Amino acid sequence: MIDIPDFVYPKDPNGNDLCPRCKKLVTQCDCPSFEPAKAKVQSTKPNISLDRSGRKGKVVTLIGALPPNEEYLRDLAKKLKVKTGSGGTFYMAEGQGVVELQGDHKKIVMEFLL
């Protein structure tokens, strides 16, 4: 077995592994890319568009290209519905999340997402 020095992978007095960057326990470390299995936050650029097709001329605001996480979409849809004072829904389409709001709220949504 190879003996790896402590300055490469430091350990605390109890022998637990520490993060080489922040010197916290590996289980408590929040440094980016220290552990390859740790999920990294993906930045998304949502698409905001207006749509009338199949709605008898009524306008809806579509926010697409969102992460396909149901909890995240539910929370975002609720916040946007409260902010705009309108109804709406969320769903998954083609591996991405979509939030749909009733009415033309493109400016409000753009300001909210920034």
PDB file of N, CA and C in Angstrom:
ATOM      1  N   MET A   1       0.841  -1.180   0.000  1.00  0.00           N
ATOM      2  CA  MET A   1       0.000   0.000   0.000  1.00  0.00           C
ATOM      3  C   MET A   1       0.884   1.240   0.000  1.00  0.00           C
ATOM      4  N   ILE A   2       0.460   2.255  -0.724  1.00  0.00           N
ATOM      5  CA  ILE A   2       1.227   3.487  -0.839  1.00  0.00           C
ATOM      6  C   ILE A   2       0.860   4.408   0.311  1.00  0.00           C
ATOM      7  N   ASP A   3       1.856   4.990   0.923  1.00  0.00           N
ATOM      8  CA  ASP A   3       1.627   5.928   2.015  1.00  0.00           C
ATOM      9  C   ASP A   3       1.547   7.336   1.431  1.00  0.00           C
ATOM     10  N   ILE A   4       0.355   7.929   1.424  1.00  0.00           N
ATOM     11  CA  ILE A   4       0.149   9.271   0.876  1.00  0.00           C
ATOM     12  C   ILE A   4       0.333  10.267   1.999  1.00  0.00           C
ATOM     13  N   PRO A   5       1.187  11.286   1.777  1.00  0.00           N
ATOM     14  CA  PRO A   5       1.436  12.266   2.828  1.00  0.00           C
ATOM     15  C   PRO A   5       0.178  13.074   3.171  1.00  0.00           C
ATOM     16  N   ASP A   6       0.116  13.575   4.422  1.00  0.00           N
ATOM     17  CA  ASP A   6      -1.050  14.325   4.886  1.00  0.00           C
ATOM     18  C   ASP A   6      -1.245  15.655   4.174  1.00  0.00           C
ATOM     19  N   PHE A   7      -0.191  16.225   3.603  1.00  0.00           N
ATOM     20  CA  PHE A   7      -0.382  17.513   2.938  1.00  0.00           C
ATOM     21  C   PHE A   7      -1.107  17.337   1.608  1.00  0.00           C
ATOM     22  N   VAL A   8      -1.150  16.113   1.053  1.00  0.00           N
ATOM     23  CA  VAL A   8      -1.912  15.861  -0.169  1.00  0.00           C
ATOM     24  C   VAL A   8      -3.378  15.633   0.193  1.00  0.00           C
ATOM     25  N   TYR A   9      -3.645  14.721   1.090  1.00  0.00           N
ATOM     26  CA  TYR A   9      -4.980  14.454   1.590  1.00  0.00           C
ATOM     27  C   TYR A   9      -4.922  14.553   3.105  1.00  0.00           C
ATOM     28  N   PRO A  10      -5.129  15.740   3.668  1.00  0.00           N
ATOM     29  CA  PRO A  10      -4.989  15.921   5.111  1.00  0.00           C
ATOM     30  C   PRO A  10      -6.068  15.176   5.891  1.00  0.00           C
ATOM     31  N   LYS A  11      -5.755  14.888   7.132  1.00  0.00           N
ATOM     32  CA  LYS A  11      -6.688  14.214   8.033  1.00  0.00           C
ATOM     33  C   LYS A  11      -6.769  15.002   9.336  1.00  0.00           C
ATOM     34  N   ASP A  12      -7.919  14.901  10.015  1.00  0.00           N
ATOM     35  CA  ASP A  12      -8.069  15.548  11.311  1.00  0.00           C
ATOM     36  C   ASP A  12      -7.469  14.628  12.390  1.00  0.00           C
ATOM     37  N   PRO A  13      -7.426  15.068  13.656  1.00  0.00           N
ATOM     38  CA  PRO A  13      -6.836  14.240  14.721  1.00  0.00           C
ATOM     39  C   PRO A  13      -7.492  12.869  14.887  1.00  0.00           C
ATOM     40  N   ASN A  14      -8.757  12.731  14.480  1.00  0.00           N
ATOM     41  CA  ASN A  14      -9.456  11.447  14.586  1.00  0.00           C
ATOM     42  C   ASN A  14      -9.202  10.543  13.386  1.00  0.00           C
ATOM     43  N   GLY A  15      -8.480  11.024  12.374  1.00  0.00           N
ATOM     44  CA  GLY A  15      -8.177  10.220  11.198  1.00  0.00           C
ATOM     45  C   GLY A  15      -9.182  10.363  10.069  1.00  0.00           C
ATOM     46  N   ASN A  16     -10.128  11.299  10.185  1.00  0.00           N
ATOM     47  CA  ASN A  16     -11.110  11.523   9.123  1.00  0.00           C
ATOM     48  C   ASN A  16     -10.491  12.379   8.027  1.00  0.00           C
ATOM     49  N   ASP A  17     -10.885  12.132   6.772  1.00  0.00           N
ATOM     50  CA  ASP A  17     -10.358  12.879   5.637  1.00  0.00           C
ATOM     51  C   ASP A  17     -10.867  14.316   5.651  1.00  0.00           C
ATOM     52  N   LEU A  18      -9.967  15.254   5.318  1.00  0.00           N
ATOM     53  CA  LEU A  18     -10.303  16.671   5.217  1.00  0.00           C
ATOM     54  C   LEU A  18     -10.152  17.120   3.769  1.00  0.00           C
ATOM     55  N   CYS A  19     -10.898  18.138   3.411  1.00  0.00           N
ATOM     56  CA  CYS A  19     -10.777  18.736   2.082  1.00  0.00           C
ATOM     57  C   CYS A  19      -9.454  19.495   2.016  1.00  0.00           C
ATOM     58  N   PRO A  20      -8.650  19.305   0.967  1.00  0.00           N
ATOM     59  CA  PRO A  20      -7.385  20.023   0.879  1.00  0.00           C
ATOM     60  C   PRO A  20      -7.553  21.533   0.689  1.00  0.00           C
ATOM     61  N   ARG A  21      -8.710  21.984   0.198  1.00  0.00           N
ATOM     62  CA  ARG A  21      -8.923  23.410  -0.037  1.00  0.00           C
ATOM     63  C   ARG A  21      -9.410  24.139   1.217  1.00  0.00           C
ATOM     64  N   CYS A  22     -10.546  23.670   1.772  1.00  0.00           N
ATOM     65  CA  CYS A  22     -11.186  24.406   2.865  1.00  0.00           C
ATOM     66  C   CYS A  22     -10.880  23.819   4.242  1.00  0.00           C
ATOM     67  N   LYS A  23     -10.233  22.673   4.291  1.00  0.00           N
ATOM     68  CA  LYS A  23      -9.850  22.001   5.545  1.00  0.00           C
ATOM     69  C   LYS A  23     -11.044  21.580   6.401  1.00  0.00           C
ATOM     70  N   LYS A  24     -12.229  21.413   5.779  1.00  0.00           N
ATOM     71  CA  LYS A  24     -13.400  20.872   6.465  1.00  0.00           C
ATOM     72  C   LYS A  24     -13.439  19.370   6.212  1.00  0.00           C
ATOM     73  N   LEU A  25     -14.273  18.672   6.989  1.00  0.00           N
ATOM     74  CA  LEU A  25     -14.469  17.250   6.714  1.00  0.00           C
ATOM     75  C   LEU A  25     -15.016  17.085   5.300  1.00  0.00           C
ATOM     76  N   VAL A  26     -14.623  16.018   4.624  1.00  0.00           N
ATOM     77  CA  VAL A  26     -15.046  15.799   3.244  1.00  0.00           C
ATOM     78  C   VAL A  26     -16.567  15.742   3.149  1.00  0.00           C
ATOM     79  N   THR A  27     -17.237  15.196   4.153  1.00  0.00           N
ATOM     80  CA  THR A  27     -18.702  15.120   4.130  1.00  0.00           C
ATOM     81  C   THR A  27     -19.354  16.489   4.277  1.00  0.00           C
ATOM     82  N   GLN A  28     -18.632  17.474   4.841  1.00  0.00           N
ATOM     83  CA  GLN A  28     -19.172  18.820   5.033  1.00  0.00           C
ATOM     84  C   GLN A  28     -18.641  19.816   4.008  1.00  0.00           C
ATOM     85  N   CYS A  29     -17.740  19.367   3.146  1.00  0.00           N
ATOM     86  CA  CYS A  29     -17.111  20.250   2.165  1.00  0.00           C
ATOM     87  C   CYS A  29     -18.116  20.679   1.104  1.00  0.00           C
ATOM     88  N   ASP A  30     -18.078  21.957   0.725  1.00  0.00           N
ATOM     89  CA  ASP A  30     -18.929  22.437  -0.353  1.00  0.00           C
ATOM     90  C   ASP A  30     -18.106  23.089  -1.463  1.00  0.00           C
ATOM     91  N   CYS A  31     -16.836  22.732  -1.539  1.00  0.00           N
ATOM     92  CA  CYS A  31     -15.978  23.234  -2.611  1.00  0.00           C
ATOM     93  C   CYS A  31     -16.424  22.650  -3.942  1.00  0.00           C
ATOM     94  N   PRO A  32     -16.423  23.443  -5.010  1.00  0.00           N
ATOM     95  CA  PRO A  32     -16.820  22.900  -6.304  1.00  0.00           C
ATOM     96  C   PRO A  32     -15.759  21.948  -6.853  1.00  0.00           C
ATOM     97  N   SER A  33     -16.202  20.908  -7.465  1.00  0.00           N
ATOM     98  CA  SER A  33     -15.406  19.913  -8.189  1.00  0.00           C
ATOM     99  C   SER A  33     -14.371  19.182  -7.340  1.00  0.00           C
ATOM    100  N   PHE A  34     -14.503  19.172  -6.004  1.00  0.00           N
ATOM    101  CA  PHE A  34     -13.587  18.372  -5.185  1.00  0.00           C
ATOM    102  C   PHE A  34     -13.904  16.901  -5.356  1.00  0.00           C
ATOM    103  N   GLU A  35     -15.164  16.579  -5.278  1.00  0.00           N
ATOM    104  CA  GLU A  35     -15.596  15.194  -5.408  1.00  0.00           C
ATOM    105  C   GLU A  35     -16.321  15.049  -6.743  1.00  0.00           C
ATOM    106  N   PRO A  36     -15.819  14.214  -7.657  1.00  0.00           N
ATOM    107  CA  PRO A  36     -16.436  14.128  -8.975  1.00  0.00           C
ATOM    108  C   PRO A  36     -17.878  13.643  -8.947  1.00  0.00           C
ATOM    109  N   ALA A  37     -18.282  12.894  -7.922  1.00  0.00           N
ATOM    110  CA  ALA A  37     -19.648  12.394  -7.858  1.00  0.00           C
ATOM    111  C   ALA A  37     -20.621  13.444  -7.339  1.00  0.00           C
ATOM    112  N   LYS A  38     -20.109  14.546  -6.793  1.00  0.00           N
ATOM    113  CA  LYS A  38     -20.976  15.585  -6.244  1.00  0.00           C
ATOM    114  C   LYS A  38     -21.659  16.332  -7.390  1.00  0.00           C
ATOM    115  N   ALA A  39     -22.951  16.547  -7.267  1.00  0.00           N
ATOM    116  CA  ALA A  39     -23.703  17.240  -8.305  1.00  0.00           C
ATOM    117  C   ALA A  39     -23.284  18.700  -8.366  1.00  0.00           C
ATOM    118  N   LYS A  40     -23.021  19.168  -9.565  1.00  0.00           N
ATOM    119  CA  LYS A  40     -22.624  20.559  -9.757  1.00  0.00           C
ATOM    120  C   LYS A  40     -23.841  21.358 -10.202  1.00  0.00           C
ATOM    121  N   VAL A  41     -23.890  22.602  -9.795  1.00  0.00           N
ATOM    122  CA  VAL A  41     -25.001  23.464 -10.157  1.00  0.00           C
ATOM    123  C   VAL A  41     -24.844  23.855 -11.619  1.00  0.00           C
ATOM    124  N   GLN A  42     -25.885  23.574 -12.396  1.00  0.00           N
ATOM    125  CA  GLN A  42     -25.848  23.916 -13.802  1.00  0.00           C
ATOM    126  C   GLN A  42     -26.525  25.261 -13.998  1.00  0.00           C
ATOM    127  N   SER A  43     -25.883  26.113 -14.761  1.00  0.00           N
ATOM    128  CA  SER A  43     -26.522  27.380 -15.071  1.00  0.00           C
ATOM    129  C   SER A  43     -27.408  27.168 -16.291  1.00  0.00           C
ATOM    130  N   THR A  44     -28.601  27.680 -16.223  1.00  0.00           N
ATOM    131  CA  THR A  44     -29.539  27.522 -17.323  1.00  0.00           C
ATOM    132  C   THR A  44     -29.897  28.871 -17.888  1.00  0.00           C
ATOM    133  N   LYS A  45     -30.179  28.890 -19.155  1.00  0.00           N
ATOM    134  CA  LYS A  45     -30.633  30.111 -19.814  1.00  0.00           C
ATOM    135  C   LYS A  45     -32.029  29.821 -20.346  1.00  0.00           C
ATOM    136  N   PRO A  46     -33.053  30.214 -19.590  1.00  0.00           N
ATOM    137  CA  PRO A  46     -34.416  29.889 -20.000  1.00  0.00           C
ATOM    138  C   PRO A  46     -34.848  30.676 -21.234  1.00  0.00           C
ATOM    139  N   ASN A  47     -35.719  30.051 -22.021  1.00  0.00           N
ATOM    140  CA  ASN A  47     -36.317  30.695 -23.186  1.00  0.00           C
ATOM    141  C   ASN A  47     -37.667  31.249 -22.777  1.00  0.00           C
ATOM    142  N   ILE A  48     -37.898  32.523 -23.049  1.00  0.00           N
ATOM    143  CA  ILE A  48     -39.173  33.150 -22.723  1.00  0.00           C
ATOM    144  C   ILE A  48     -39.843  33.514 -24.042  1.00  0.00           C
ATOM    145  N   SER A  49     -41.069  33.022 -24.241  1.00  0.00           N
ATOM    146  CA  SER A  49     -41.768  33.300 -25.489  1.00  0.00           C
ATOM    147  C   SER A  49     -43.265  33.427 -25.231  1.00  0.00           C
ATOM    148  N   LEU A  50     -43.946  34.021 -26.197  1.00  0.00           N
ATOM    149  CA  LEU A  50     -45.397  34.143 -26.149  1.00  0.00           C
ATOM    150  C   LEU A  50     -45.977  33.167 -27.162  1.00  0.00           C
ATOM    151  N   ASP A  51     -47.120  32.581 -26.838  1.00  0.00           N
ATOM    152  CA  ASP A  51     -47.724  31.589 -27.721  1.00  0.00           C
ATOM    153  C   ASP A  51     -49.230  31.766 -27.734  1.00  0.00           C
ATOM    154  N   ARG A  52     -49.841  31.590 -28.941  1.00  0.00           N
ATOM    155  CA  ARG A  52     -51.293  31.665 -29.086  1.00  0.00           C
ATOM    156  C   ARG A  52     -51.869  30.396 -29.703  1.00  0.00           C
ATOM    157  N   SER A  53     -51.026  29.545 -30.228  1.00  0.00           N
ATOM    158  CA  SER A  53     -51.506  28.403 -31.001  1.00  0.00           C
ATOM    159  C   SER A  53     -52.305  27.433 -30.143  1.00  0.00           C
ATOM    160  N   GLY A  54     -53.496  27.070 -30.639  1.00  0.00           N
ATOM    161  CA  GLY A  54     -54.349  26.116 -29.948  1.00  0.00           C
ATOM    162  C   GLY A  54     -55.030  26.662 -28.716  1.00  0.00           C
ATOM    163  N   ARG A  55     -55.074  27.982 -28.575  1.00  0.00           N
ATOM    164  CA  ARG A  55     -55.661  28.581 -27.372  1.00  0.00           C
ATOM    165  C   ARG A  55     -56.749  29.604 -27.700  1.00  0.00           C
ATOM    166  N   LYS A  56     -57.341  29.499 -28.878  1.00  0.00           N
ATOM    167  CA  LYS A  56     -58.426  30.373 -29.326  1.00  0.00           C
ATOM    168  C   LYS A  56     -58.043  31.843 -29.247  1.00  0.00           C
ATOM    169  N   GLY A  57     -56.803  32.177 -29.608  1.00  0.00           N
ATOM    170  CA  GLY A  57     -56.345  33.557 -29.638  1.00  0.00           C
ATOM    171  C   GLY A  57     -55.840  34.098 -28.318  1.00  0.00           C
ATOM    172  N   LYS A  58     -55.960  33.345 -27.253  1.00  0.00           N
ATOM    173  CA  LYS A  58     -55.470  33.800 -25.946  1.00  0.00           C
ATOM    174  C   LYS A  58     -53.946  33.659 -25.896  1.00  0.00           C
ATOM    175  N   VAL A  59     -53.291  34.621 -25.261  1.00  0.00           N
ATOM    176  CA  VAL A  59     -51.832  34.628 -25.179  1.00  0.00           C
ATOM    177  C   VAL A  59     -51.386  33.965 -23.883  1.00  0.00           C
ATOM    178  N   VAL A  60     -50.342  33.133 -23.971  1.00  0.00           N
ATOM    179  CA  VAL A  60     -49.701  32.573 -22.790  1.00  0.00           C
ATOM    180  C   VAL A  60     -48.204  32.840 -22.887  1.00  0.00           C
ATOM    181  N   THR A  61     -47.568  33.002 -21.741  1.00  0.00           N
ATOM    182  CA  THR A  61     -46.119  33.184 -21.677  1.00  0.00           C
ATOM    183  C   THR A  61     -45.501  31.842 -21.334  1.00  0.00           C
ATOM    184  N   LEU A  62     -44.558  31.387 -22.169  1.00  0.00           N
ATOM    185  CA  LEU A  62     -43.883  30.115 -21.954  1.00  0.00           C
ATOM    186  C   LEU A  62     -42.441  30.380 -21.523  1.00  0.00           C
ATOM    187  N   ILE A  63     -42.032  29.754 -20.450  1.00  0.00           N
ATOM    188  CA  ILE A  63     -40.640  29.810 -19.988  1.00  0.00           C
ATOM    189  C   ILE A  63     -40.105  28.398 -20.133  1.00  0.00           C
ATOM    190  N   GLY A  64     -39.239  28.172 -21.114  1.00  0.00           N
ATOM    191  CA  GLY A  64     -38.732  26.834 -21.405  1.00  0.00           C
ATOM    192  C   GLY A  64     -37.259  26.711 -21.080  1.00  0.00           C
ATOM    193  N   ALA A  65     -36.706  25.537 -21.369  1.00  0.00           N
ATOM    194  CA  ALA A  65     -35.284  25.216 -21.146  1.00  0.00           C
ATOM    195  C   ALA A  65     -34.923  25.327 -19.666  1.00  0.00           C
ATOM    196  N   LEU A  66     -35.824  24.880 -18.803  1.00  0.00           N
ATOM    197  CA  LEU A  66     -35.581  24.870 -17.360  1.00  0.00           C
ATOM    198  C   LEU A  66     -35.155  23.472 -16.933  1.00  0.00           C
ATOM    199  N   PRO A  67     -34.491  23.339 -15.781  1.00  0.00           N
ATOM    200  CA  PRO A  67     -34.096  22.008 -15.305  1.00  0.00           C
ATOM    201  C   PRO A  67     -35.327  21.117 -15.079  1.00  0.00           C
ATOM    202  N   PRO A  68     -35.236  19.835 -15.425  1.00  0.00           N
ATOM    203  CA  PRO A  68     -36.390  18.935 -15.278  1.00  0.00           C
ATOM    204  C   PRO A  68     -36.564  18.427 -13.849  1.00  0.00           C
ATOM    205  N   ASN A  69     -36.629  19.337 -12.902  1.00  0.00           N
ATOM    206  CA  ASN A  69     -36.790  19.006 -11.493  1.00  0.00           C
ATOM    207  C   ASN A  69     -38.186  19.465 -11.077  1.00  0.00           C
ATOM    208  N   GLU A  70     -39.044  18.518 -10.695  1.00  0.00           N
ATOM    209  CA  GLU A  70     -40.442  18.841 -10.427  1.00  0.00           C
ATOM    210  C   GLU A  70     -40.615  19.823  -9.270  1.00  0.00           C
ATOM    211  N   GLU A  71     -39.852  19.659  -8.196  1.00  0.00           N
ATOM    212  CA  GLU A  71     -39.956  20.577  -7.055  1.00  0.00           C
ATOM    213  C   GLU A  71     -39.556  21.993  -7.455  1.00  0.00           C
ATOM    214  N   TYR A  72     -38.465  22.098  -8.212  1.00  0.00           N
ATOM    215  CA  TYR A  72     -37.995  23.403  -8.660  1.00  0.00           C
ATOM    216  C   TYR A  72     -39.048  24.071  -9.551  1.00  0.00           C
ATOM    217  N   LEU A  73     -39.619  23.313 -10.491  1.00  0.00           N
ATOM    218  CA  LEU A  73     -40.630  23.874 -11.385  1.00  0.00           C
ATOM    219  C   LEU A  73     -41.878  24.294 -10.629  1.00  0.00           C
ATOM    220  N   ARG A  74     -42.310  23.488  -9.662  1.00  0.00           N
ATOM    221  CA  ARG A  74     -43.491  23.827  -8.875  1.00  0.00           C
ATOM    222  C   ARG A  74     -43.271  25.135  -8.111  1.00  0.00           C
ATOM    223  N   ASP A  75     -42.095  25.265  -7.481  1.00  0.00           N
ATOM    224  CA  ASP A  75     -41.774  26.460  -6.715  1.00  0.00           C
ATOM    225  C   ASP A  75     -41.674  27.688  -7.626  1.00  0.00           C
ATOM    226  N   LEU A  76     -40.997  27.541  -8.772  1.00  0.00           N
ATOM    227  CA  LEU A  76     -40.856  28.661  -9.710  1.00  0.00           C
ATOM    228  C   LEU A  76     -42.211  29.083 -10.264  1.00  0.00           C
ATOM    229  N   ALA A  77     -43.042  28.110 -10.634  1.00  0.00           N
ATOM    230  CA  ALA A  77     -44.370  28.431 -11.169  1.00  0.00           C
ATOM    231  C   ALA A  77     -45.204  29.176 -10.133  1.00  0.00           C
ATOM    232  N   LYS A  78     -45.148  28.733  -8.887  1.00  0.00           N
ATOM    233  CA  LYS A  78     -45.920  29.396  -7.829  1.00  0.00           C
ATOM    234  C   LYS A  78     -45.460  30.846  -7.641  1.00  0.00           C
ATOM    235  N   LYS A  79     -44.140  31.045  -7.593  1.00  0.00           N
ATOM    236  CA  LYS A  79     -43.619  32.400  -7.412  1.00  0.00           C
ATOM    237  C   LYS A  79     -44.005  33.305  -8.587  1.00  0.00           C
ATOM    238  N   LEU A  80     -43.915  32.774  -9.811  1.00  0.00           N
ATOM    239  CA  LEU A  80     -44.257  33.582 -10.986  1.00  0.00           C
ATOM    240  C   LEU A  80     -45.750  33.877 -11.048  1.00  0.00           C
ATOM    241  N   LYS A  81     -46.589  32.923 -10.652  1.00  0.00           N
ATOM    242  CA  LYS A  81     -48.036  33.158 -10.648  1.00  0.00           C
ATOM    243  C   LYS A  81     -48.403  34.235  -9.641  1.00  0.00           C
ATOM    244  N   VAL A  82     -47.757  34.214  -8.482  1.00  0.00           N
ATOM    245  CA  VAL A  82     -48.018  35.242  -7.475  1.00  0.00           C
ATOM    246  C   VAL A  82     -47.515  36.599  -7.975  1.00  0.00           C
ATOM    247  N   LYS A  83     -46.323  36.613  -8.563  1.00  0.00           N
ATOM    248  CA  LYS A  83     -45.719  37.861  -9.045  1.00  0.00           C
ATOM    249  C   LYS A  83     -46.559  38.502 -10.150  1.00  0.00           C
ATOM    250  N   THR A  84     -47.094  37.670 -11.073  1.00  0.00           N
ATOM    251  CA  THR A  84     -47.851  38.204 -12.198  1.00  0.00           C
ATOM    252  C   THR A  84     -49.340  38.318 -11.910  1.00  0.00           C
ATOM    253  N   GLY A  85     -49.825  37.658 -10.865  1.00  0.00           N
ATOM    254  CA  GLY A  85     -51.248  37.702 -10.555  1.00  0.00           C
ATOM    255  C   GLY A  85     -52.080  36.956 -11.580  1.00  0.00           C
ATOM    256  N   SER A  86     -51.538  35.872 -12.110  1.00  0.00           N
ATOM    257  CA  SER A  86     -52.259  35.120 -13.127  1.00  0.00           C
ATOM    258  C   SER A  86     -52.173  33.628 -12.815  1.00  0.00           C
ATOM    259  N   GLY A  87     -52.888  32.850 -13.608  1.00  0.00           N
ATOM    260  CA  GLY A  87     -52.843  31.401 -13.469  1.00  0.00           C
ATOM    261  C   GLY A  87     -51.723  30.830 -14.316  1.00  0.00           C
ATOM    262  N   GLY A  88     -51.472  29.567 -14.126  1.00  0.00           N
ATOM    263  CA  GLY A  88     -50.440  28.927 -14.919  1.00  0.00           C
ATOM    264  C   GLY A  88     -50.198  27.508 -14.466  1.00  0.00           C
ATOM    265  N   THR A  89     -49.244  26.863 -15.114  1.00  0.00           N
ATOM    266  CA  THR A  89     -48.906  25.485 -14.814  1.00  0.00           C
ATOM    267  C   THR A  89     -47.450  25.230 -15.174  1.00  0.00           C
ATOM    268  N   PHE A  90     -46.984  24.023 -14.858  1.00  0.00           N
ATOM    269  CA  PHE A  90     -45.642  23.602 -15.241  1.00  0.00           C
ATOM    270  C   PHE A  90     -45.722  22.172 -15.737  1.00  0.00           C
ATOM    271  N   TYR A  91     -44.790  21.788 -16.606  1.00  0.00           N
ATOM    272  CA  TYR A  91     -44.742  20.425 -17.103  1.00  0.00           C
ATOM    273  C   TYR A  91     -43.363  20.138 -17.688  1.00  0.00           C
ATOM    274  N   MET A  92     -43.120  18.860 -17.960  1.00  0.00           N
ATOM    275  CA  MET A  92     -41.865  18.427 -18.577  1.00  0.00           C
ATOM    276  C   MET A  92     -42.129  18.195 -20.058  1.00  0.00           C
ATOM    277  N   ALA A  93     -41.240  18.678 -20.910  1.00  0.00           N
ATOM    278  CA  ALA A  93     -41.371  18.469 -22.349  1.00  0.00           C
ATOM    279  C   ALA A  93     -39.982  18.275 -22.943  1.00  0.00           C
ATOM    280  N   GLU A  94     -39.782  17.134 -23.579  1.00  0.00           N
ATOM    281  CA  GLU A  94     -38.517  16.832 -24.260  1.00  0.00           C
ATOM    282  C   GLU A  94     -37.314  16.940 -23.330  1.00  0.00           C
ATOM    283  N   GLY A  95     -37.447  16.439 -22.116  1.00  0.00           N
ATOM    284  CA  GLY A  95     -36.330  16.414 -21.176  1.00  0.00           C
ATOM    285  C   GLY A  95     -36.014  17.742 -20.520  1.00  0.00           C
ATOM    286  N   GLN A  96     -36.894  18.713 -20.647  1.00  0.00           N
ATOM    287  CA  GLN A  96     -36.677  19.998 -19.990  1.00  0.00           C
ATOM    288  C   GLN A  96     -37.980  20.472 -19.376  1.00  0.00           C
ATOM    289  N   GLY A  97     -37.873  21.359 -18.405  1.00  0.00           N
ATOM    290  CA  GLY A  97     -39.048  21.880 -17.730  1.00  0.00           C
ATOM    291  C   GLY A  97     -39.607  23.098 -18.434  1.00  0.00           C
ATOM    292  N   VAL A  98     -40.918  23.254 -18.357  1.00  0.00           N
ATOM    293  CA  VAL A  98     -41.602  24.401 -18.961  1.00  0.00           C
ATOM    294  C   VAL A  98     -42.602  24.946 -17.949  1.00  0.00           C
ATOM    295  N   VAL A  99     -42.622  26.272 -17.800  1.00  0.00           N
ATOM    296  CA  VAL A  99     -43.628  26.942 -16.977  1.00  0.00           C
ATOM    297  C   VAL A  99     -44.488  27.764 -17.929  1.00  0.00           C
ATOM    298  N   GLU A 100     -45.796  27.642 -17.784  1.00  0.00           N
ATOM    299  CA  GLU A 100     -46.741  28.327 -18.657  1.00  0.00           C
ATOM    300  C   GLU A 100     -47.597  29.265 -17.816  1.00  0.00           C
ATOM    301  N   LEU A 101     -47.639  30.547 -18.183  1.00  0.00           N
ATOM    302  CA  LEU A 101     -48.430  31.550 -17.468  1.00  0.00           C
ATOM    303  C   LEU A 101     -49.497  32.118 -18.393  1.00  0.00           C
ATOM    304  N   GLN A 102     -50.678  32.351 -17.870  1.00  0.00           N
ATOM    305  CA  GLN A 102     -51.754  32.924 -18.669  1.00  0.00           C
ATOM    306  C   GLN A 102     -51.516  34.409 -18.847  1.00  0.00           C
ATOM    307  N   GLY A 103     -51.521  34.866 -20.089  1.00  0.00           N
ATOM    308  CA  GLY A 103     -51.361  36.283 -20.387  1.00  0.00           C
ATOM    309  C   GLY A 103     -49.953  36.625 -20.835  1.00  0.00           C
ATOM    310  N   ASP A 104     -49.779  37.881 -21.238  1.00  0.00           N
ATOM    311  CA  ASP A 104     -48.489  38.392 -21.715  1.00  0.00           C
ATOM    312  C   ASP A 104     -47.729  38.986 -20.523  1.00  0.00           C
ATOM    313  N   HIS A 105     -46.784  38.228 -19.976  1.00  0.00           N
ATOM    314  CA  HIS A 105     -46.011  38.658 -18.819  1.00  0.00           C
ATOM    315  C   HIS A 105     -44.511  38.578 -19.094  1.00  0.00           C
ATOM    316  N   LYS A 106     -44.129  38.791 -20.351  1.00  0.00           N
ATOM    317  CA  LYS A 106     -42.739  38.606 -20.747  1.00  0.00           C
ATOM    318  C   LYS A 106     -41.796  39.532 -19.979  1.00  0.00           C
ATOM    319  N   LYS A 107     -42.140  40.795 -19.841  1.00  0.00           N
ATOM    320  CA  LYS A 107     -41.265  41.759 -19.134  1.00  0.00           C
ATOM    321  C   LYS A 107     -41.118  41.406 -17.648  1.00  0.00           C
ATOM    322  N   ILE A 108     -42.230  41.081 -17.009  1.00  0.00           N
ATOM    323  CA  ILE A 108     -42.196  40.747 -15.583  1.00  0.00           C
ATOM    324  C   ILE A 108     -41.339  39.507 -15.341  1.00  0.00           C
ATOM    325  N   VAL A 109     -41.494  38.494 -16.205  1.00  0.00           N
ATOM    326  CA  VAL A 109     -40.731  37.247 -16.052  1.00  0.00           C
ATOM    327  C   VAL A 109     -39.247  37.516 -16.271  1.00  0.00           C
ATOM    328  N   MET A 110     -38.912  38.332 -17.272  1.00  0.00           N
ATOM    329  CA  MET A 110     -37.506  38.639 -17.535  1.00  0.00           C
ATOM    330  C   MET A 110     -36.868  39.344 -16.347  1.00  0.00           C
ATOM    331  N   GLU A 111     -37.571  40.310 -15.747  1.00  0.00           N
ATOM    332  CA  GLU A 111     -37.060  41.011 -14.575  1.00  0.00           C
ATOM    333  C   GLU A 111     -36.918  40.070 -13.390  1.00  0.00           C
ATOM    334  N   PHE A 112     -37.880  39.163 -13.218  1.00  0.00           N
ATOM    335  CA  PHE A 112     -37.841  38.219 -12.099  1.00  0.00           C
ATOM    336  C   PHE A 112     -36.670  37.253 -12.224  1.00  0.00           C
ATOM    337  N   LEU A 113     -36.420  36.745 -13.410  1.00  0.00           N
ATOM    338  CA  LEU A 113     -35.362  35.763 -13.615  1.00  0.00           C
ATOM    339  C   LEU A 113     -33.969  36.370 -13.578  1.00  0.00           C
ATOM    340  N   LEU A 114     -33.864  37.662 -13.830  1.00  0.00           N
ATOM    341  CA  LEU A 114     -32.544  38.293 -13.752  1.00  0.00           C
ATOM    342  C   LEU A 114     -32.133  38.428 -12.306  1.00  0.00           C
TER     343      LEU A 114
END
